Amino acid sequence: MSDLQGRVAVVTGSASGIGFALAERFAAEGMRIVLADVERRALEKAKARLEASGAEVLAVETDVGDAEQMDALAEKTLEHFGTVHLVCNNAGVGLAGPLWEFGIRDWEFVLNCNLWGVIHGIRVFVPHLVAQNEGYVVNTASMAALMSGAGAGPYTASKQAVAGITETLYQDLKKVASEVGVSLLCPGFTRTRSFDSERNRPENRNRAPESAAKFPSAAIFEQGMAPEEVARQTWQAILERRFYVLTHDGAVDPVRARADAIIGGHAPAAATPTVGVDVHEALVAEWAAGRADSADRSSSDDLRR
Protein backbone atom coordinates (compact mmCIF):
# COMPACT_ATOMS: atom_id res chain seq x y z
CA MET A 1 0.00 0.00 0.00
CA SER A 2 2.90 2.36 -0.61
CA ASP A 3 1.23 3.73 -3.74
CA LEU A 4 -2.41 4.72 -3.19
CA GLN A 5 -2.87 6.67 -6.40
CA GLY A 6 -6.07 5.46 -8.07
CA ARG A 7 -6.92 3.09 -5.21
CA VAL A 8 -10.38 3.00 -3.61
CA ALA A 9 -11.11 4.34 -0.12
CA VAL A 10 -14.38 3.80 1.77
CA VAL A 11 -15.08 6.19 4.63
CA THR A 12 -18.15 5.93 6.87
CA GLY A 13 -19.52 8.99 8.62
CA SER A 14 -17.90 10.95 5.80
CA ALA A 15 -20.44 13.69 5.15
CA SER A 16 -18.79 15.87 7.78
CA GLY A 17 -16.19 16.19 10.50
CA ILE A 18 -13.26 13.79 10.68
CA GLY A 19 -14.87 11.51 8.09
CA PHE A 20 -15.09 14.24 5.47
CA ALA A 21 -11.57 15.43 6.28
CA LEU A 22 -10.28 11.88 5.76
CA ALA A 23 -12.12 11.55 2.44
CA GLU A 24 -10.86 14.96 1.32
CA ARG A 25 -7.28 14.01 2.18
CA PHE A 26 -7.52 10.67 0.38
CA ALA A 27 -8.98 12.38 -2.68
CA ALA A 28 -6.16 14.93 -2.68
CA GLU A 29 -3.72 12.02 -2.71
CA GLY A 30 -5.36 10.65 -5.87
CA MET A 31 -7.65 8.01 -4.40
CA ARG A 32 -11.16 7.23 -5.57
CA ILE A 33 -13.68 7.75 -2.80
CA VAL A 34 -16.78 6.04 -1.45
CA LEU A 35 -18.68 8.30 0.94
CA ALA A 36 -21.08 6.61 3.36
CA ASP A 37 -23.26 8.56 5.75
CA VAL A 38 -26.77 8.48 7.19
CA GLU A 39 -27.41 12.19 6.41
CA ARG A 40 -28.59 12.47 2.82
CA ARG A 41 -28.36 16.25 2.44
CA ALA A 42 -24.89 16.51 3.95
CA LEU A 43 -23.77 13.48 1.93
CA GLU A 44 -24.82 15.13 -1.32
CA LYS A 45 -22.95 18.31 -0.37
CA ALA A 46 -19.82 16.37 0.51
CA LYS A 47 -19.96 14.48 -2.80
CA ALA A 48 -20.35 17.70 -4.78
CA ARG A 49 -17.45 19.32 -2.94
CA LEU A 50 -15.08 16.42 -3.63
CA GLU A 51 -16.16 16.13 -7.25
CA ALA A 52 -15.51 19.85 -7.70
CA SER A 53 -11.90 19.15 -6.73
CA GLY A 54 -11.66 16.50 -9.45
CA ALA A 55 -12.19 13.38 -7.36
CA GLU A 56 -14.11 10.32 -8.53
CA VAL A 57 -16.79 9.77 -5.88
CA LEU A 58 -19.55 7.30 -5.07
CA ALA A 59 -21.95 8.37 -2.30
CA VAL A 60 -24.09 5.77 -0.53
CA GLU A 61 -26.62 6.74 2.13
CA THR A 62 -25.90 4.25 4.92
CA ASP A 63 -26.85 3.58 8.53
CA VAL A 64 -23.69 1.78 9.65
CA GLY A 65 -25.55 0.02 12.45
CA ASP A 66 -27.84 -1.70 9.97
CA ALA A 67 -26.40 -5.00 8.70
CA GLU A 68 -28.32 -4.98 5.42
CA GLN A 69 -27.33 -1.40 4.62
CA MET A 70 -23.68 -2.23 5.26
CA ASP A 71 -23.99 -5.29 3.02
CA ALA A 72 -25.39 -2.96 0.35
CA LEU A 73 -22.52 -0.49 0.85
CA ALA A 74 -19.96 -3.21 0.14
CA GLU A 75 -21.92 -4.48 -2.86
CA LYS A 76 -22.27 -1.00 -4.38
CA THR A 77 -18.59 -0.26 -3.78
CA LEU A 78 -17.51 -3.41 -5.61
CA GLU A 79 -20.05 -2.95 -8.37
CA HIS A 80 -18.95 0.62 -9.01
CA PHE A 81 -15.18 0.39 -8.57
CA GLY A 82 -14.57 -3.35 -8.77
CA THR A 83 -12.31 -3.32 -5.71
CA VAL A 84 -11.55 -1.68 -2.37
CA HIS A 85 -8.22 -0.91 -0.72
CA LEU A 86 -8.70 1.39 2.27
CA VAL A 87 -11.61 1.14 4.72
CA CYS A 88 -12.16 3.77 7.42
CA ASN A 89 -14.82 2.72 9.92
CA ASN A 90 -15.29 6.23 11.24
CA ALA A 91 -18.98 6.98 11.89
CA GLY A 92 -19.70 7.94 15.48
CA VAL A 93 -22.15 9.64 17.84
CA GLY A 94 -22.03 10.69 21.47
CA LEU A 95 -24.08 11.55 24.54
CA ALA A 96 -23.18 13.03 27.93
CA GLY A 97 -24.55 12.34 31.37
CA PRO A 98 -24.24 10.20 34.51
CA LEU A 99 -24.12 6.51 33.62
CA TRP A 100 -27.30 5.63 35.50
CA GLU A 101 -29.37 8.24 33.64
CA PHE A 102 -28.99 6.75 30.15
CA GLY A 103 -32.06 4.96 28.85
CA ILE A 104 -31.90 1.72 26.85
CA ARG A 105 -32.50 3.62 23.60
CA ASP A 106 -29.54 5.87 24.38
CA TRP A 107 -27.31 2.80 24.69
CA GLU A 108 -28.72 1.35 21.47
CA PHE A 109 -28.21 4.62 19.60
CA VAL A 110 -24.56 4.92 20.59
CA LEU A 111 -23.58 1.24 20.33
CA ASN A 112 -25.33 0.66 17.00
CA CYS A 113 -23.28 3.41 15.37
CA ASN A 114 -19.98 3.40 17.23
CA LEU A 115 -19.57 -0.33 17.80
CA TRP A 116 -21.75 -2.19 15.32
CA GLY A 117 -20.67 0.20 12.57
CA VAL A 118 -17.09 -0.99 13.05
CA ILE A 119 -18.14 -4.64 13.36
CA HIS A 120 -20.12 -4.46 10.12
CA GLY A 121 -17.31 -2.59 8.36
CA ILE A 122 -14.88 -5.35 9.23
CA ARG A 123 -17.41 -8.05 8.34
CA VAL A 124 -18.27 -6.75 4.86
CA PHE A 125 -14.91 -5.38 3.68
CA VAL A 126 -12.03 -7.21 5.33
CA PRO A 127 -12.71 -10.54 3.55
CA HIS A 128 -12.09 -8.72 0.24
CA LEU A 129 -8.87 -7.18 1.53
CA VAL A 130 -7.65 -10.54 2.83
CA ALA A 131 -8.54 -12.28 -0.44
CA GLN A 132 -6.45 -9.81 -2.46
CA ASN A 133 -3.78 -9.77 0.30
CA GLU A 134 -3.64 -6.00 0.08
CA GLY A 135 -5.37 -3.16 1.83
CA TYR A 136 -5.69 -1.15 5.00
CA VAL A 137 -8.26 -0.64 7.76
CA VAL A 138 -8.54 2.42 9.99
CA ASN A 139 -11.01 2.16 12.88
CA THR A 140 -11.85 5.46 14.54
CA ALA A 141 -11.95 5.14 18.30
CA SER A 142 -11.14 8.05 20.62
CA MET A 143 -8.95 8.88 23.56
CA ALA A 144 -11.93 7.43 25.43
CA ALA A 145 -10.72 4.05 24.12
CA LEU A 146 -7.57 4.35 26.22
CA MET A 147 -8.82 6.18 29.32
CA SER A 148 -12.07 6.82 31.18
CA GLY A 149 -13.78 9.88 32.56
CA ALA A 150 -17.11 10.86 34.01
CA GLY A 151 -20.02 11.72 31.76
CA ALA A 152 -19.68 9.51 28.69
CA GLY A 153 -20.47 5.91 29.66
CA PRO A 154 -21.99 4.50 26.44
CA TYR A 155 -19.48 6.39 24.31
CA THR A 156 -16.54 5.14 26.36
CA ALA A 157 -17.88 1.58 26.32
CA SER A 158 -18.20 1.66 22.54
CA LYS A 159 -14.75 3.12 21.96
CA GLN A 160 -12.96 0.75 24.33
CA ALA A 161 -14.71 -2.13 22.53
CA VAL A 162 -13.48 -0.73 19.20
CA ALA A 163 -9.93 -0.67 20.57
CA GLY A 164 -10.14 -4.33 21.60
CA ILE A 165 -11.67 -5.37 18.30
CA THR A 166 -9.03 -3.49 16.32
CA GLU A 167 -6.16 -4.99 18.31
CA THR A 168 -7.68 -8.43 17.73
CA LEU A 169 -8.07 -7.72 14.01
CA TYR A 170 -4.37 -6.86 13.84
CA GLN A 171 -3.45 -10.13 15.57
CA ASP A 172 -5.80 -12.20 13.41
CA LEU A 173 -4.32 -10.75 10.22
CA LYS A 174 -0.80 -11.31 11.52
CA LYS A 175 -1.58 -14.94 12.34
CA VAL A 176 -2.53 -15.67 8.72
CA ALA A 177 0.45 -13.65 7.40
CA SER A 178 -1.84 -11.16 5.68
CA GLU A 179 -0.39 -7.98 4.19
CA VAL A 180 -3.50 -6.01 5.20
CA GLY A 181 -2.58 -3.19 7.58
CA VAL A 182 -4.55 -1.80 10.53
CA SER A 183 -4.58 1.44 12.51
CA LEU A 184 -6.55 2.50 15.58
CA LEU A 185 -7.30 6.23 15.38
CA CYS A 186 -7.62 7.81 18.84
CA PRO A 187 -8.22 11.55 18.54
CA GLY A 188 -8.92 13.85 21.45
CA PHE A 189 -11.47 16.66 21.19
CA THR A 190 -11.86 17.74 17.57
CA ARG A 191 -13.90 20.52 15.97
CA THR A 192 -16.85 18.42 14.83
CA ARG A 193 -20.62 18.34 15.27
CA SER A 194 -20.62 15.55 17.82
CA PHE A 195 -22.58 17.92 20.05
CA ASP A 196 -25.44 17.52 17.56
CA SER A 197 -25.52 13.72 17.31
CA GLU A 198 -29.24 13.79 18.10
CA ARG A 199 -29.94 14.87 14.52
CA ASN A 200 -29.00 11.37 13.35
CA ARG A 201 -31.16 9.33 15.71
CA PRO A 202 -33.31 6.85 13.77
CA GLU A 203 -36.95 6.75 14.82
CA ASN A 204 -36.68 3.27 16.33
CA ARG A 205 -34.02 4.56 18.74
CA ASN A 206 -35.70 7.78 19.81
CA ARG A 207 -34.92 9.05 23.27
CA ALA A 208 -36.97 7.30 25.94
CA PRO A 209 -38.99 9.55 28.26
CA GLU A 210 -36.95 8.48 31.29
CA SER A 211 -33.60 9.36 29.65
CA ALA A 212 -31.70 12.27 31.18
CA ALA A 213 -28.76 12.03 28.78
CA LYS A 214 -27.66 15.27 27.17
CA PHE A 215 -25.38 16.53 24.47
CA PRO A 216 -22.40 18.73 25.26
CA SER A 217 -22.58 22.20 23.76
CA ALA A 218 -20.95 23.30 20.53
CA ALA A 219 -18.63 25.65 22.43
CA ILE A 220 -16.66 22.73 23.85
CA PHE A 221 -15.90 21.25 20.45
CA GLU A 222 -14.89 24.61 19.00
CA GLN A 223 -11.79 24.39 21.21
CA GLY A 224 -10.68 21.12 19.62
CA MET A 225 -8.25 20.17 16.86
CA ALA A 226 -9.14 20.82 13.22
CA PRO A 227 -10.42 17.65 11.48
CA GLU A 228 -7.95 18.28 8.67
CA GLU A 229 -5.06 17.87 11.11
CA VAL A 230 -6.50 14.56 12.32
CA ALA A 231 -6.75 13.46 8.68
CA ARG A 232 -3.16 14.52 7.98
CA GLN A 233 -1.86 12.48 10.89
CA THR A 234 -4.00 9.51 9.88
CA TRP A 235 -2.64 9.58 6.33
CA GLN A 236 0.91 9.62 7.67
CA ALA A 237 0.12 6.68 9.97
CA ILE A 238 -1.20 4.68 7.01
CA LEU A 239 1.97 5.32 5.03
CA GLU A 240 4.05 4.27 8.05
CA ARG A 241 1.75 1.35 8.92
CA ARG A 242 1.55 2.69 12.47
CA PHE A 243 -1.07 0.98 14.62
CA TYR A 244 -1.88 3.46 17.41
CA VAL A 245 -2.62 6.99 16.17
CA LEU A 246 -2.76 9.44 19.09
CA THR A 247 -3.32 12.80 17.46
CA HIS A 248 -3.21 15.22 20.37
CA ASP A 249 -0.36 16.60 22.44
CA GLY A 250 -0.67 15.40 26.00
CA ALA A 251 -2.32 12.11 25.04
CA VAL A 252 0.50 9.91 26.32
CA ASP A 253 0.39 10.99 29.96
CA PRO A 254 -3.21 9.90 30.71
CA VAL A 255 -2.62 6.58 28.95
CA ARG A 256 0.49 5.99 31.03
CA ALA A 257 -1.36 7.01 34.21
CA ARG A 258 -4.11 4.52 33.46
CA ALA A 259 -1.60 1.73 32.82
CA ASP A 260 0.15 2.53 36.10
CA ALA A 261 -3.18 2.45 37.95
CA ILE A 262 -4.03 -0.94 36.45
CA ILE A 263 -0.65 -2.42 37.34
CA GLY A 264 -0.81 -0.97 40.84
CA GLY A 265 -4.42 -1.99 41.41
CA HIS A 266 -5.47 1.62 42.03
CA ALA A 267 -8.78 3.30 41.28
CA PRO A 268 -8.86 5.08 37.92
CA ALA A 269 -7.85 8.71 37.95
CA ALA A 270 -10.04 11.37 36.37
CA ALA A 271 -9.42 11.88 32.68
CA THR A 272 -7.05 14.72 31.88
CA PRO A 273 -7.30 17.26 29.04
CA THR A 274 -5.87 16.16 25.70
CA VAL A 275 -6.26 19.31 23.61
CA GLY A 276 -4.56 21.95 25.72
CA VAL A 277 -7.77 23.16 27.40
CA ASP A 278 -9.85 21.60 30.11
CA VAL A 279 -12.73 20.64 27.84
CA HIS A 280 -13.48 17.47 29.76
CA GLU A 281 -14.20 19.35 32.98
CA ALA A 282 -16.41 21.74 31.02
CA LEU A 283 -18.38 18.83 29.61
CA VAL A 284 -18.90 17.29 33.04
CA ALA A 285 -19.96 20.65 34.46
CA GLU A 286 -22.59 21.00 31.76
CA TRP A 287 -24.44 17.78 32.40
CA ALA A 288 -24.03 18.11 36.18
CA ALA A 289 -25.69 21.51 36.04
CA GLY A 290 -28.31 20.34 33.55
CA ARG A 291 -27.45 23.06 31.07
CA ALA A 292 -26.46 21.15 27.92
CA ASP A 293 -26.93 23.70 25.19
CA SER A 294 -28.02 22.70 21.70
CA ALA A 295 -28.67 26.20 20.39
CA ASP A 296 -25.88 25.96 17.85
CA ARG A 297 -27.19 22.78 16.22
CA SER A 298 -28.36 24.69 13.18
CA SER A 299 -24.79 25.36 12.07
CA SER A 300 -24.61 26.29 8.39
CA ASP A 301 -21.55 24.12 7.93
CA ASP A 302 -22.93 20.64 7.21
CA LEU A 303 -19.41 19.30 6.74
CA ARG A 304 -18.67 19.21 10.45
CA ARG A 305 -19.37 16.26 12.73
Foldseek 3Di string as FASTA:
>chain_A
DLQQAAAEEEFEPCLAALNVLLQLVSVVSHYAYEYEYQDPVSQVVSVVVSVVVVHHYHYQYAQLLDLVRLLVSLVVCCVVSVAHAEYELEDFAFWWDAPVQADPLNLCQGCSRLASSVVSSCVNHVVRCQVVLHHEYEYEAALLLQADAHITVSNSVSRVVSVVVQVVVQVVCVVVPGNYFYAYEHEYQAQFVSLQRLVSRDPVSDGDPSHLIHGAENVLSVLAHYSNQSSVQVVVCVSVSPHYRYRFPPSVVLSVQQVVCVVVVHDGDHDQHGHPDRSVVVRVVCSVVVNRDHPCVVPPDSRGD
